[in-house]
N, C-alpha and C. Protein backbone atom coordinates (compact mmCIF):
# COMPACT_ATOMS: atom_id res chain seq x y z
N MET A 1 -2.26 -19.35 26.29
CA MET A 1 -0.82 -19.32 26.09
C MET A 1 -0.04 -19.35 27.39
N SER A 2 -0.63 -19.00 28.50
CA SER A 2 0.14 -18.85 29.71
C SER A 2 0.50 -20.17 30.39
N ASN A 3 0.02 -21.30 29.89
CA ASN A 3 0.38 -22.58 30.49
C ASN A 3 1.71 -23.11 29.99
N ALA A 4 2.19 -22.64 28.88
CA ALA A 4 3.43 -23.13 28.29
C ALA A 4 4.24 -21.94 27.79
N PRO A 5 5.55 -22.14 27.68
CA PRO A 5 6.37 -21.04 27.14
C PRO A 5 5.92 -20.70 25.72
N LEU A 6 6.09 -19.44 25.37
CA LEU A 6 5.74 -19.02 24.02
C LEU A 6 6.68 -19.69 23.03
N PRO A 7 6.18 -20.10 21.87
CA PRO A 7 7.04 -20.72 20.86
C PRO A 7 8.17 -19.77 20.43
N ALA A 8 9.27 -20.35 20.00
CA ALA A 8 10.42 -19.55 19.55
C ALA A 8 10.03 -18.61 18.42
N SER A 9 9.15 -19.07 17.54
CA SER A 9 8.72 -18.22 16.42
C SER A 9 7.96 -16.99 16.92
N THR A 10 7.17 -17.15 17.97
CA THR A 10 6.46 -16.01 18.56
C THR A 10 7.44 -15.06 19.22
N GLN A 11 8.44 -15.63 19.92
CA GLN A 11 9.47 -14.79 20.56
C GLN A 11 10.20 -13.97 19.49
N ARG A 12 10.56 -14.61 18.38
CA ARG A 12 11.25 -13.90 17.29
C ARG A 12 10.37 -12.80 16.72
N PHE A 13 9.10 -13.12 16.52
CA PHE A 13 8.16 -12.12 16.01
C PHE A 13 8.09 -10.91 16.94
N MET A 14 7.98 -11.16 18.24
CA MET A 14 7.91 -10.06 19.19
C MET A 14 9.20 -9.25 19.19
N ASP A 15 10.35 -9.92 19.08
CA ASP A 15 11.63 -9.21 19.02
C ASP A 15 11.71 -8.33 17.78
N GLU A 16 11.23 -8.84 16.65
CA GLU A 16 11.22 -8.05 15.42
C GLU A 16 10.30 -6.84 15.55
N MET A 17 9.14 -7.03 16.18
CA MET A 17 8.22 -5.91 16.38
C MET A 17 8.86 -4.84 17.25
N VAL A 18 9.60 -5.25 18.27
CA VAL A 18 10.31 -4.29 19.12
C VAL A 18 11.26 -3.47 18.26
N THR A 19 12.04 -4.14 17.43
CA THR A 19 13.01 -3.46 16.57
C THR A 19 12.31 -2.48 15.62
N LEU A 20 11.18 -2.88 15.08
CA LEU A 20 10.47 -2.02 14.13
C LEU A 20 9.74 -0.87 14.80
N MET A 21 9.26 -1.06 16.01
CA MET A 21 8.45 -0.03 16.67
C MET A 21 9.27 0.95 17.50
N GLU A 22 10.49 0.60 17.88
CA GLU A 22 11.30 1.53 18.67
C GLU A 22 11.52 2.87 17.98
N PRO A 23 11.78 2.90 16.65
CA PRO A 23 11.92 4.21 16.00
C PRO A 23 10.64 5.06 16.05
N TRP A 24 9.51 4.44 16.30
CA TRP A 24 8.24 5.17 16.43
C TRP A 24 8.06 5.69 17.85
N GLY A 25 9.02 5.42 18.71
CA GLY A 25 8.96 5.89 20.09
C GLY A 25 8.31 4.91 21.05
N TRP A 26 8.10 3.68 20.61
CA TRP A 26 7.50 2.68 21.49
C TRP A 26 8.59 2.05 22.35
N SER A 27 8.28 1.82 23.61
CA SER A 27 9.20 1.10 24.48
C SER A 27 9.19 -0.39 24.11
N ARG A 28 10.20 -1.10 24.59
CA ARG A 28 10.26 -2.55 24.34
C ARG A 28 9.01 -3.23 24.87
N THR A 29 8.60 -2.85 26.06
CA THR A 29 7.45 -3.50 26.69
C THR A 29 6.18 -3.26 25.88
N ILE A 30 5.96 -2.03 25.48
CA ILE A 30 4.75 -1.72 24.71
C ILE A 30 4.74 -2.50 23.40
N ALA A 31 5.87 -2.53 22.71
CA ALA A 31 5.95 -3.25 21.43
C ALA A 31 5.74 -4.75 21.63
N ARG A 32 6.29 -5.31 22.70
CA ARG A 32 6.12 -6.75 22.96
C ARG A 32 4.66 -7.07 23.30
N VAL A 33 4.04 -6.24 24.11
CA VAL A 33 2.63 -6.48 24.45
C VAL A 33 1.76 -6.37 23.20
N PHE A 34 2.03 -5.37 22.37
CA PHE A 34 1.29 -5.21 21.12
C PHE A 34 1.42 -6.46 20.25
N ALA A 35 2.65 -6.92 20.05
CA ALA A 35 2.89 -8.12 19.23
C ALA A 35 2.19 -9.34 19.84
N TYR A 36 2.27 -9.46 21.15
CA TYR A 36 1.64 -10.56 21.87
C TYR A 36 0.13 -10.58 21.62
N LEU A 37 -0.49 -9.40 21.73
CA LEU A 37 -1.94 -9.33 21.51
C LEU A 37 -2.30 -9.66 20.06
N LEU A 38 -1.45 -9.30 19.12
CA LEU A 38 -1.72 -9.60 17.72
C LEU A 38 -1.75 -11.10 17.43
N VAL A 39 -0.90 -11.87 18.11
CA VAL A 39 -0.80 -13.30 17.79
C VAL A 39 -1.70 -14.18 18.65
N ARG A 40 -2.33 -13.61 19.65
CA ARG A 40 -3.23 -14.40 20.50
C ARG A 40 -4.52 -14.73 19.78
N GLU A 41 -5.05 -15.88 20.06
CA GLU A 41 -6.35 -16.28 19.51
C GLU A 41 -7.49 -15.64 20.27
N THR A 42 -7.28 -15.35 21.55
CA THR A 42 -8.32 -14.79 22.40
C THR A 42 -7.76 -13.60 23.17
N PRO A 43 -8.63 -12.74 23.67
CA PRO A 43 -8.16 -11.63 24.50
C PRO A 43 -7.39 -12.15 25.72
N ALA A 44 -6.50 -11.32 26.25
CA ALA A 44 -5.64 -11.72 27.37
C ALA A 44 -5.96 -10.91 28.62
N THR A 45 -5.85 -11.55 29.75
CA THR A 45 -5.93 -10.82 31.01
C THR A 45 -4.56 -10.22 31.29
N LEU A 46 -4.52 -9.28 32.20
CA LEU A 46 -3.25 -8.69 32.60
C LEU A 46 -2.33 -9.76 33.18
N ASP A 47 -2.92 -10.69 33.95
CA ASP A 47 -2.11 -11.77 34.54
C ASP A 47 -1.50 -12.67 33.47
N GLU A 48 -2.24 -12.94 32.40
CA GLU A 48 -1.69 -13.76 31.31
C GLU A 48 -0.54 -13.03 30.61
N ILE A 49 -0.71 -11.74 30.39
CA ILE A 49 0.35 -10.95 29.76
C ILE A 49 1.61 -11.00 30.62
N VAL A 50 1.44 -10.80 31.92
CA VAL A 50 2.57 -10.83 32.86
C VAL A 50 3.26 -12.19 32.82
N ALA A 51 2.48 -13.26 32.90
CA ALA A 51 3.05 -14.60 32.93
C ALA A 51 3.74 -14.96 31.61
N ASP A 52 3.08 -14.68 30.51
CA ASP A 52 3.62 -15.08 29.21
C ASP A 52 4.84 -14.26 28.80
N LEU A 53 4.85 -12.99 29.16
CA LEU A 53 5.96 -12.13 28.73
C LEU A 53 7.04 -11.98 29.80
N GLY A 54 6.74 -12.44 31.02
CA GLY A 54 7.73 -12.34 32.08
C GLY A 54 8.06 -10.90 32.46
N ILE A 55 7.02 -10.07 32.53
CA ILE A 55 7.21 -8.67 32.88
C ILE A 55 6.45 -8.35 34.15
N ALA A 56 6.82 -7.25 34.78
CA ALA A 56 6.14 -6.82 35.99
C ALA A 56 4.70 -6.40 35.67
N LYS A 57 3.81 -6.63 36.61
CA LYS A 57 2.41 -6.27 36.40
C LYS A 57 2.26 -4.77 36.17
N SER A 58 3.05 -3.96 36.86
CA SER A 58 2.97 -2.50 36.67
C SER A 58 3.37 -2.13 35.24
N ASN A 59 4.38 -2.81 34.68
CA ASN A 59 4.78 -2.55 33.30
C ASN A 59 3.72 -3.00 32.31
N ALA A 60 3.11 -4.14 32.58
CA ALA A 60 2.05 -4.64 31.71
C ALA A 60 0.84 -3.70 31.75
N SER A 61 0.52 -3.21 32.93
CA SER A 61 -0.60 -2.30 33.08
C SER A 61 -0.34 -1.00 32.32
N MET A 62 0.85 -0.45 32.47
CA MET A 62 1.21 0.79 31.77
C MET A 62 1.18 0.57 30.26
N ALA A 63 1.72 -0.55 29.80
CA ALA A 63 1.77 -0.84 28.36
C ALA A 63 0.36 -0.99 27.78
N THR A 64 -0.50 -1.74 28.46
CA THR A 64 -1.86 -1.92 27.94
C THR A 64 -2.62 -0.60 27.96
N ARG A 65 -2.43 0.20 29.01
CA ARG A 65 -3.11 1.50 29.07
C ARG A 65 -2.69 2.37 27.90
N GLU A 66 -1.39 2.41 27.62
CA GLU A 66 -0.92 3.24 26.51
C GLU A 66 -1.40 2.70 25.17
N LEU A 67 -1.37 1.39 25.00
CA LEU A 67 -1.86 0.81 23.75
C LEU A 67 -3.34 1.12 23.54
N VAL A 68 -4.13 1.03 24.59
CA VAL A 68 -5.56 1.35 24.49
C VAL A 68 -5.74 2.83 24.18
N ASP A 69 -4.99 3.69 24.88
CA ASP A 69 -5.13 5.14 24.66
C ASP A 69 -4.87 5.54 23.22
N TYR A 70 -3.96 4.84 22.55
CA TYR A 70 -3.60 5.20 21.18
C TYR A 70 -4.25 4.33 20.12
N GLY A 71 -5.20 3.49 20.53
CA GLY A 71 -5.96 2.71 19.56
C GLY A 71 -5.27 1.45 19.07
N ASN A 72 -4.20 1.02 19.77
CA ASN A 72 -3.49 -0.18 19.35
C ASN A 72 -3.93 -1.43 20.11
N ALA A 73 -4.86 -1.26 21.03
CA ALA A 73 -5.45 -2.38 21.76
C ALA A 73 -6.83 -1.93 22.22
N VAL A 74 -7.66 -2.91 22.55
CA VAL A 74 -8.97 -2.61 23.11
C VAL A 74 -9.09 -3.27 24.47
N ARG A 75 -9.78 -2.58 25.36
CA ARG A 75 -10.04 -3.08 26.71
C ARG A 75 -11.46 -3.62 26.73
N LEU A 76 -11.61 -4.84 27.19
CA LEU A 76 -12.93 -5.49 27.24
C LEU A 76 -13.24 -5.87 28.68
N ARG A 77 -14.48 -5.79 29.04
CA ARG A 77 -14.91 -6.23 30.37
C ARG A 77 -15.31 -7.70 30.30
N GLN A 78 -14.91 -8.43 31.31
CA GLN A 78 -15.30 -9.83 31.40
C GLN A 78 -16.60 -9.87 32.20
N PRO A 79 -17.69 -10.33 31.58
CA PRO A 79 -19.00 -10.32 32.26
C PRO A 79 -18.94 -11.03 33.62
N GLY A 80 -19.54 -10.38 34.63
CA GLY A 80 -19.62 -10.98 35.95
C GLY A 80 -18.39 -10.81 36.81
N THR A 81 -17.36 -10.15 36.29
CA THR A 81 -16.14 -9.94 37.08
C THR A 81 -15.65 -8.52 36.87
N LYS A 82 -14.68 -8.15 37.68
CA LYS A 82 -14.03 -6.84 37.50
C LYS A 82 -12.80 -6.97 36.60
N GLN A 83 -12.49 -8.20 36.22
CA GLN A 83 -11.29 -8.45 35.43
C GLN A 83 -11.43 -7.89 34.01
N LEU A 84 -10.36 -7.26 33.55
CA LEU A 84 -10.33 -6.71 32.20
C LEU A 84 -9.58 -7.65 31.27
N LEU A 85 -9.98 -7.63 30.03
CA LEU A 85 -9.29 -8.37 28.97
C LEU A 85 -8.75 -7.36 27.98
N PHE A 86 -7.65 -7.73 27.33
CA PHE A 86 -7.05 -6.85 26.31
C PHE A 86 -6.91 -7.63 25.03
N ASP A 87 -7.19 -6.95 23.93
CA ASP A 87 -7.16 -7.60 22.63
C ASP A 87 -6.62 -6.62 21.59
N ALA A 88 -6.15 -7.16 20.47
CA ALA A 88 -5.75 -6.31 19.35
C ALA A 88 -7.03 -5.75 18.73
N PRO A 89 -7.01 -4.51 18.28
CA PRO A 89 -8.24 -3.93 17.71
C PRO A 89 -8.55 -4.53 16.34
N SER A 90 -9.85 -4.52 15.98
CA SER A 90 -10.21 -5.01 14.66
C SER A 90 -9.93 -3.96 13.59
N ALA A 91 -10.06 -2.68 13.94
CA ALA A 91 -9.70 -1.60 13.02
C ALA A 91 -8.20 -1.33 13.21
N GLN A 92 -7.46 -1.39 12.14
CA GLN A 92 -6.00 -1.31 12.23
C GLN A 92 -5.44 0.09 12.02
N THR A 93 -6.13 1.10 12.48
CA THR A 93 -5.62 2.46 12.30
C THR A 93 -4.47 2.75 13.25
N GLY A 94 -4.51 2.16 14.44
CA GLY A 94 -3.43 2.30 15.41
C GLY A 94 -2.89 3.70 15.52
N PRO A 95 -1.57 3.81 15.52
CA PRO A 95 -0.96 5.12 15.71
C PRO A 95 -1.00 5.98 14.46
N PHE A 96 -1.44 5.43 13.35
CA PHE A 96 -1.30 6.12 12.08
C PHE A 96 -2.25 7.31 11.93
N ALA A 97 -3.46 7.20 12.47
CA ALA A 97 -4.37 8.34 12.41
C ALA A 97 -3.79 9.52 13.17
N MET A 98 -3.17 9.22 14.31
CA MET A 98 -2.54 10.29 15.09
C MET A 98 -1.32 10.87 14.35
N ARG A 99 -0.57 10.01 13.70
CA ARG A 99 0.60 10.49 12.93
C ARG A 99 0.13 11.37 11.78
N SER A 100 -0.96 10.99 11.15
CA SER A 100 -1.49 11.79 10.05
C SER A 100 -1.88 13.17 10.53
N ALA A 101 -2.56 13.23 11.67
CA ALA A 101 -2.95 14.53 12.23
C ALA A 101 -1.71 15.37 12.56
N MET A 102 -0.69 14.71 13.11
CA MET A 102 0.55 15.42 13.43
C MET A 102 1.22 15.96 12.17
N LEU A 103 1.24 15.16 11.11
CA LEU A 103 1.83 15.61 9.85
C LEU A 103 1.10 16.82 9.29
N ARG A 104 -0.23 16.81 9.37
CA ARG A 104 -1.01 17.95 8.89
C ARG A 104 -0.74 19.20 9.73
N ARG A 105 -0.63 19.04 11.04
CA ARG A 105 -0.33 20.19 11.90
C ARG A 105 1.05 20.75 11.59
N MET A 106 2.03 19.85 11.37
CA MET A 106 3.37 20.30 11.00
C MET A 106 3.35 21.04 9.67
N ALA A 107 2.61 20.50 8.71
CA ALA A 107 2.50 21.15 7.39
C ALA A 107 1.90 22.54 7.53
N ASP A 108 0.86 22.66 8.35
CA ASP A 108 0.25 23.98 8.56
C ASP A 108 1.25 24.95 9.19
N LEU A 109 1.98 24.48 10.18
CA LEU A 109 2.97 25.33 10.84
C LEU A 109 4.04 25.79 9.84
N LEU A 110 4.56 24.86 9.05
CA LEU A 110 5.58 25.22 8.06
C LEU A 110 5.01 26.17 7.01
N GLY A 111 3.77 25.93 6.61
CA GLY A 111 3.15 26.78 5.60
C GLY A 111 2.90 28.20 6.09
N GLU A 112 2.71 28.35 7.39
CA GLU A 112 2.43 29.68 7.96
C GLU A 112 3.71 30.47 8.25
N GLN A 113 4.84 29.78 8.36
CA GLN A 113 6.09 30.44 8.73
C GLN A 113 6.67 31.20 7.54
N ARG A 114 6.57 32.49 7.58
CA ARG A 114 7.08 33.31 6.47
C ARG A 114 7.80 34.56 6.98
N GLU A 115 7.43 35.03 8.14
CA GLU A 115 7.93 36.30 8.65
C GLU A 115 9.46 36.32 8.77
N GLY A 116 10.07 37.31 8.15
CA GLY A 116 11.51 37.51 8.23
C GLY A 116 12.34 36.49 7.48
N MET A 117 11.73 35.74 6.59
CA MET A 117 12.45 34.69 5.88
C MET A 117 12.71 35.09 4.44
N GLY A 118 13.83 34.60 3.95
CA GLY A 118 14.17 34.82 2.56
C GLY A 118 13.40 33.89 1.64
N GLU A 119 13.53 34.16 0.35
CA GLU A 119 12.81 33.39 -0.66
C GLU A 119 13.17 31.90 -0.63
N ALA A 120 14.45 31.59 -0.47
CA ALA A 120 14.88 30.19 -0.47
C ALA A 120 14.29 29.44 0.72
N ALA A 121 14.29 30.06 1.88
CA ALA A 121 13.73 29.41 3.07
C ALA A 121 12.23 29.21 2.91
N VAL A 122 11.54 30.18 2.36
CA VAL A 122 10.09 30.07 2.16
C VAL A 122 9.79 28.92 1.19
N ARG A 123 10.57 28.81 0.11
CA ARG A 123 10.37 27.70 -0.85
C ARG A 123 10.62 26.36 -0.17
N ARG A 124 11.69 26.28 0.63
CA ARG A 124 12.04 25.03 1.31
C ARG A 124 10.92 24.63 2.28
N LEU A 125 10.43 25.58 3.06
CA LEU A 125 9.35 25.29 4.00
C LEU A 125 8.08 24.89 3.26
N SER A 126 7.81 25.55 2.15
CA SER A 126 6.63 25.23 1.36
C SER A 126 6.70 23.81 0.79
N ARG A 127 7.88 23.43 0.27
CA ARG A 127 8.06 22.07 -0.26
C ARG A 127 7.89 21.04 0.86
N GLN A 128 8.47 21.33 2.01
CA GLN A 128 8.35 20.40 3.14
C GLN A 128 6.89 20.30 3.59
N ALA A 129 6.19 21.43 3.64
CA ALA A 129 4.77 21.42 4.02
C ALA A 129 3.95 20.59 3.02
N ASP A 130 4.22 20.75 1.73
CA ASP A 130 3.52 19.98 0.71
C ASP A 130 3.76 18.48 0.89
N PHE A 131 5.01 18.13 1.17
CA PHE A 131 5.36 16.72 1.38
C PHE A 131 4.62 16.16 2.60
N LEU A 132 4.66 16.88 3.71
CA LEU A 132 4.00 16.40 4.93
C LEU A 132 2.49 16.29 4.74
N ARG A 133 1.91 17.24 4.06
CA ARG A 133 0.47 17.21 3.79
C ARG A 133 0.12 15.99 2.93
N ALA A 134 0.95 15.73 1.90
CA ALA A 134 0.71 14.56 1.03
C ALA A 134 0.85 13.26 1.82
N MET A 135 1.82 13.19 2.72
CA MET A 135 1.98 11.98 3.55
C MET A 135 0.75 11.78 4.44
N GLY A 136 0.27 12.86 5.05
CA GLY A 136 -0.93 12.77 5.88
C GLY A 136 -2.13 12.32 5.07
N GLU A 137 -2.28 12.86 3.87
CA GLU A 137 -3.40 12.47 3.01
C GLU A 137 -3.28 11.00 2.58
N ALA A 138 -2.06 10.55 2.32
CA ALA A 138 -1.86 9.15 1.94
C ALA A 138 -2.24 8.22 3.09
N ILE A 139 -1.83 8.57 4.29
CA ILE A 139 -2.18 7.76 5.46
C ILE A 139 -3.70 7.75 5.63
N ASP A 140 -4.32 8.92 5.52
CA ASP A 140 -5.77 8.98 5.66
C ASP A 140 -6.48 8.12 4.61
N GLY A 141 -5.95 8.11 3.38
CA GLY A 141 -6.53 7.29 2.32
C GLY A 141 -6.46 5.81 2.63
N VAL A 142 -5.33 5.36 3.15
CA VAL A 142 -5.18 3.95 3.52
C VAL A 142 -6.12 3.61 4.67
N ILE A 143 -6.22 4.51 5.63
CA ILE A 143 -7.13 4.26 6.76
C ILE A 143 -8.57 4.15 6.25
N ARG A 144 -8.97 5.04 5.37
CA ARG A 144 -10.33 4.97 4.81
C ARG A 144 -10.55 3.66 4.07
N GLU A 145 -9.55 3.24 3.31
CA GLU A 145 -9.71 2.04 2.48
C GLU A 145 -9.58 0.75 3.28
N LYS A 146 -8.60 0.71 4.19
CA LYS A 146 -8.28 -0.57 4.86
C LYS A 146 -8.45 -0.57 6.38
N GLY A 147 -8.54 0.59 6.97
CA GLY A 147 -8.50 0.70 8.43
C GLY A 147 -9.62 0.02 9.17
N ASP A 148 -10.80 -0.01 8.62
CA ASP A 148 -11.93 -0.62 9.30
C ASP A 148 -12.31 -1.96 8.72
N ALA A 149 -11.40 -2.52 7.93
CA ALA A 149 -11.67 -3.83 7.32
C ALA A 149 -11.84 -4.88 8.41
N ALA A 150 -12.76 -5.77 8.17
CA ALA A 150 -13.00 -6.86 9.14
C ALA A 150 -11.76 -7.73 9.23
N PRO A 151 -11.45 -8.23 10.44
CA PRO A 151 -10.28 -9.10 10.58
C PRO A 151 -10.47 -10.39 9.79
N GLU A 152 -9.36 -10.92 9.33
CA GLU A 152 -9.41 -12.17 8.53
C GLU A 152 -9.49 -13.37 9.41
């Protein structure tokens, strides 16, 4: 992809991904790199990411590191060189497994909070804990069913 400008449809896709991922706390750069890796046919070098997205190498490096750390990209070694390649993961659990764990921790915290609280507050916290626990379980169920599915 780095020999020619990215198609307008790819640019639009990346812009949409930025819009969708910003509420999840992703920076524009991280969301664009993630979208870029999803649409590539082959893994990308850091230099290709920089050239194709027109971003600084330090930003590309930070974005790929964060994507790898959270399971939204994989780092591959290129045989015979020190050069790294980055690709979209085949298992699509991404940030969702971490979100599920966070939801369960929040549910536990809410469920434990009782000291000095009235009945209404305890009921409210209990309902919220039940909701968060159910959301975490739903995410876990989807991950079990679809998360490790082979790429199409």
